[in-house]
Amino acid sequence: MGMWDENIGKTVGRRISAETSISEAAVLLETIASLMPSGVCPKGVWRFRTFEEADDWALTQAARNPASRS
């Protein structure tokens, strides 16, 4: 039995076909697109000094009423 003839006892993770990963990406993009017009995910790049400041901002955005943005 050579070095390359080993039996693999455990496989970690899995391989995904290109079609599967494309379809999963499409679902994610559809979800993001559906959330953006409602105001849940505001567009843009946001920078914060601390993680706490970013968390506070995210919580405020999630709690906002999307109707008030119109």
N, C-alpha and C. Protein backbone atom coordinates (compact mmCIF):
# COMPACT_ATOMS: atom_id res chain seq x y z
N MET A 1 0.85 -1.17 0.00
CA MET A 1 0.00 0.00 0.00
C MET A 1 0.90 1.24 0.00
N GLY A 2 0.74 2.08 -1.00
CA GLY A 2 1.57 3.27 -1.14
C GLY A 2 0.98 4.45 -0.38
N MET A 3 1.72 5.53 -0.43
CA MET A 3 1.30 6.74 0.28
C MET A 3 -0.02 7.28 -0.26
N TRP A 4 -0.32 7.13 -1.53
CA TRP A 4 -1.51 7.69 -2.15
C TRP A 4 -2.71 6.76 -2.09
N ASP A 5 -2.56 5.60 -1.50
CA ASP A 5 -3.64 4.62 -1.43
C ASP A 5 -4.36 4.62 -0.09
N GLU A 6 -4.23 5.66 0.68
CA GLU A 6 -4.85 5.71 2.00
C GLU A 6 -6.36 5.79 1.89
N ASN A 7 -7.03 5.16 2.84
CA ASN A 7 -8.48 5.34 2.97
C ASN A 7 -8.73 6.59 3.79
N ILE A 8 -9.60 7.45 3.30
CA ILE A 8 -9.93 8.67 4.03
C ILE A 8 -11.08 8.35 4.96
N GLY A 9 -10.87 8.58 6.25
CA GLY A 9 -11.87 8.23 7.24
C GLY A 9 -12.93 9.30 7.46
N LYS A 10 -12.59 10.55 7.20
CA LYS A 10 -13.53 11.62 7.49
C LYS A 10 -13.37 12.71 6.44
N THR A 11 -14.50 13.19 5.95
CA THR A 11 -14.49 14.29 4.99
C THR A 11 -15.08 15.51 5.68
N VAL A 12 -14.37 16.62 5.63
CA VAL A 12 -14.84 17.85 6.24
C VAL A 12 -15.31 18.76 5.12
N GLY A 13 -16.55 19.24 5.22
CA GLY A 13 -17.10 20.10 4.18
C GLY A 13 -17.65 19.28 3.04
N ARG A 14 -17.98 19.97 1.96
CA ARG A 14 -18.48 19.28 0.79
C ARG A 14 -18.18 20.13 -0.44
N ARG A 15 -18.12 19.50 -1.55
CA ARG A 15 -17.92 20.23 -2.78
C ARG A 15 -19.28 20.59 -3.35
N ILE A 16 -19.37 21.79 -3.88
CA ILE A 16 -20.62 22.26 -4.46
C ILE A 16 -20.40 22.46 -5.94
N SER A 17 -21.36 22.03 -6.72
CA SER A 17 -21.24 22.24 -8.16
C SER A 17 -21.42 23.72 -8.47
N ALA A 18 -20.96 24.15 -9.62
CA ALA A 18 -21.07 25.55 -10.01
C ALA A 18 -22.54 25.96 -10.12
N GLU A 19 -23.39 25.06 -10.59
CA GLU A 19 -24.81 25.37 -10.73
C GLU A 19 -25.45 25.61 -9.37
N THR A 20 -25.06 24.82 -8.38
CA THR A 20 -25.62 24.97 -7.05
C THR A 20 -25.20 26.30 -6.45
N SER A 21 -23.92 26.63 -6.55
CA SER A 21 -23.46 27.88 -5.94
C SER A 21 -24.08 29.09 -6.65
N ILE A 22 -24.28 29.02 -7.96
CA ILE A 22 -24.92 30.11 -8.69
C ILE A 22 -26.37 30.27 -8.26
N SER A 23 -27.08 29.16 -8.10
CA SER A 23 -28.48 29.25 -7.70
C SER A 23 -28.59 29.77 -6.26
N GLU A 24 -27.66 29.37 -5.39
CA GLU A 24 -27.68 29.88 -4.02
C GLU A 24 -27.37 31.38 -4.00
N ALA A 25 -26.46 31.82 -4.83
CA ALA A 25 -26.14 33.25 -4.92
C ALA A 25 -27.34 34.03 -5.44
N ALA A 26 -28.06 33.46 -6.40
CA ALA A 26 -29.24 34.13 -6.95
C ALA A 26 -30.30 34.32 -5.88
N VAL A 27 -30.50 33.32 -5.04
CA VAL A 27 -31.47 33.43 -3.95
C VAL A 27 -31.05 34.53 -2.98
N LEU A 28 -29.76 34.59 -2.65
CA LEU A 28 -29.27 35.63 -1.75
C LEU A 28 -29.48 37.01 -2.36
N LEU A 29 -29.16 37.18 -3.63
CA LEU A 29 -29.33 38.47 -4.29
C LEU A 29 -30.80 38.88 -4.36
N GLU A 30 -31.70 37.94 -4.60
CA GLU A 30 -33.13 38.24 -4.61
C GLU A 30 -33.60 38.71 -3.23
N THR A 31 -33.09 38.06 -2.19
CA THR A 31 -33.45 38.44 -0.82
C THR A 31 -32.97 39.86 -0.52
N ILE A 32 -31.74 40.15 -0.87
CA ILE A 32 -31.20 41.50 -0.64
C ILE A 32 -32.00 42.53 -1.42
N ALA A 33 -32.31 42.23 -2.67
CA ALA A 33 -33.07 43.17 -3.50
C ALA A 33 -34.46 43.42 -2.93
N SER A 34 -35.06 42.39 -2.35
CA SER A 34 -36.40 42.58 -1.78
C SER A 34 -36.36 43.40 -0.49
N LEU A 35 -35.24 43.36 0.24
CA LEU A 35 -35.13 44.12 1.48
C LEU A 35 -34.77 45.58 1.26
N MET A 36 -34.01 45.88 0.22
CA MET A 36 -33.52 47.25 0.02
C MET A 36 -34.64 48.27 -0.20
N PRO A 37 -35.64 48.01 -1.04
CA PRO A 37 -36.69 49.03 -1.20
C PRO A 37 -37.48 49.28 0.07
N SER A 38 -37.54 48.30 0.95
CA SER A 38 -38.31 48.47 2.18
C SER A 38 -37.55 49.29 3.22
N GLY A 39 -36.28 49.57 2.96
CA GLY A 39 -35.52 50.38 3.89
C GLY A 39 -34.82 49.60 4.98
N VAL A 40 -34.92 48.28 4.95
CA VAL A 40 -34.26 47.48 5.98
C VAL A 40 -32.75 47.52 5.79
N CYS A 41 -32.29 47.51 4.56
CA CYS A 41 -30.87 47.57 4.25
C CYS A 41 -30.57 48.87 3.52
N PRO A 42 -30.19 49.93 4.23
CA PRO A 42 -29.90 51.19 3.55
C PRO A 42 -28.68 51.06 2.65
N LYS A 43 -28.72 51.74 1.52
CA LYS A 43 -27.62 51.71 0.57
C LYS A 43 -26.49 52.58 1.07
N GLY A 44 -25.28 52.21 0.70
CA GLY A 44 -24.14 53.07 1.00
C GLY A 44 -23.08 52.36 1.81
N VAL A 45 -22.01 53.09 2.05
CA VAL A 45 -20.91 52.60 2.87
C VAL A 45 -20.92 53.38 4.17
N TRP A 46 -20.88 52.68 5.26
CA TRP A 46 -20.97 53.31 6.57
C TRP A 46 -19.71 52.96 7.35
N ARG A 47 -19.09 53.95 7.96
CA ARG A 47 -17.88 53.73 8.76
C ARG A 47 -18.15 54.15 10.19
N PHE A 48 -17.64 53.35 11.12
CA PHE A 48 -17.85 53.61 12.54
C PHE A 48 -16.53 53.51 13.28
N ARG A 49 -16.42 54.24 14.37
CA ARG A 49 -15.19 54.21 15.17
C ARG A 49 -15.06 52.92 15.96
N THR A 50 -16.20 52.38 16.43
CA THR A 50 -16.17 51.18 17.26
C THR A 50 -17.24 50.20 16.80
N PHE A 51 -17.10 48.96 17.21
CA PHE A 51 -18.11 47.95 16.92
C PHE A 51 -19.42 48.29 17.64
N GLU A 52 -19.31 48.85 18.83
CA GLU A 52 -20.50 49.20 19.58
C GLU A 52 -21.31 50.27 18.85
N GLU A 53 -20.61 51.26 18.28
CA GLU A 53 -21.29 52.30 17.51
C GLU A 53 -21.99 51.70 16.29
N ALA A 54 -21.35 50.76 15.64
CA ALA A 54 -21.95 50.09 14.48
C ALA A 54 -23.17 49.27 14.90
N ASP A 55 -23.06 48.58 16.03
CA ASP A 55 -24.19 47.79 16.52
C ASP A 55 -25.38 48.67 16.87
N ASP A 56 -25.12 49.80 17.52
CA ASP A 56 -26.19 50.74 17.86
C ASP A 56 -26.88 51.25 16.60
N TRP A 57 -26.08 51.60 15.59
CA TRP A 57 -26.63 52.11 14.33
C TRP A 57 -27.49 51.03 13.65
N ALA A 58 -26.98 49.80 13.63
CA ALA A 58 -27.72 48.71 12.98
C ALA A 58 -29.04 48.45 13.70
N LEU A 59 -29.03 48.51 15.02
CA LEU A 59 -30.26 48.30 15.79
C LEU A 59 -31.26 49.41 15.51
N THR A 60 -30.77 50.65 15.43
CA THR A 60 -31.65 51.79 15.12
C THR A 60 -32.26 51.64 13.73
N GLN A 61 -31.45 51.22 12.76
CA GLN A 61 -31.95 51.04 11.40
C GLN A 61 -33.00 49.93 11.34
N ALA A 62 -32.77 48.86 12.07
CA ALA A 62 -33.71 47.73 12.06
C ALA A 62 -35.03 48.12 12.72
N ALA A 63 -34.97 49.03 13.71
CA ALA A 63 -36.18 49.41 14.45
C ALA A 63 -36.97 50.52 13.75
N ARG A 64 -36.34 51.19 12.78
CA ARG A 64 -37.02 52.29 12.09
C ARG A 64 -38.21 51.80 11.29
N ASN A 65 -39.19 52.66 11.20
CA ASN A 65 -40.36 52.34 10.40
C ASN A 65 -40.05 52.70 8.94
N PRO A 66 -40.06 51.73 8.03
CA PRO A 66 -39.74 52.04 6.63
C PRO A 66 -40.68 53.07 6.01
N ALA A 67 -41.89 53.18 6.50
CA ALA A 67 -42.85 54.15 5.92
C ALA A 67 -42.42 55.58 6.21
N SER A 68 -41.65 55.80 7.28
CA SER A 68 -41.24 57.15 7.62
C SER A 68 -40.14 57.67 6.69
N ARG A 69 -39.52 56.83 5.90
CA ARG A 69 -38.48 57.25 4.97
C ARG A 69 -39.04 57.87 3.71
N SER A 70 -40.28 57.59 3.39
CA SER A 70 -40.85 58.04 2.12
C SER A 70 -41.02 59.55 2.07
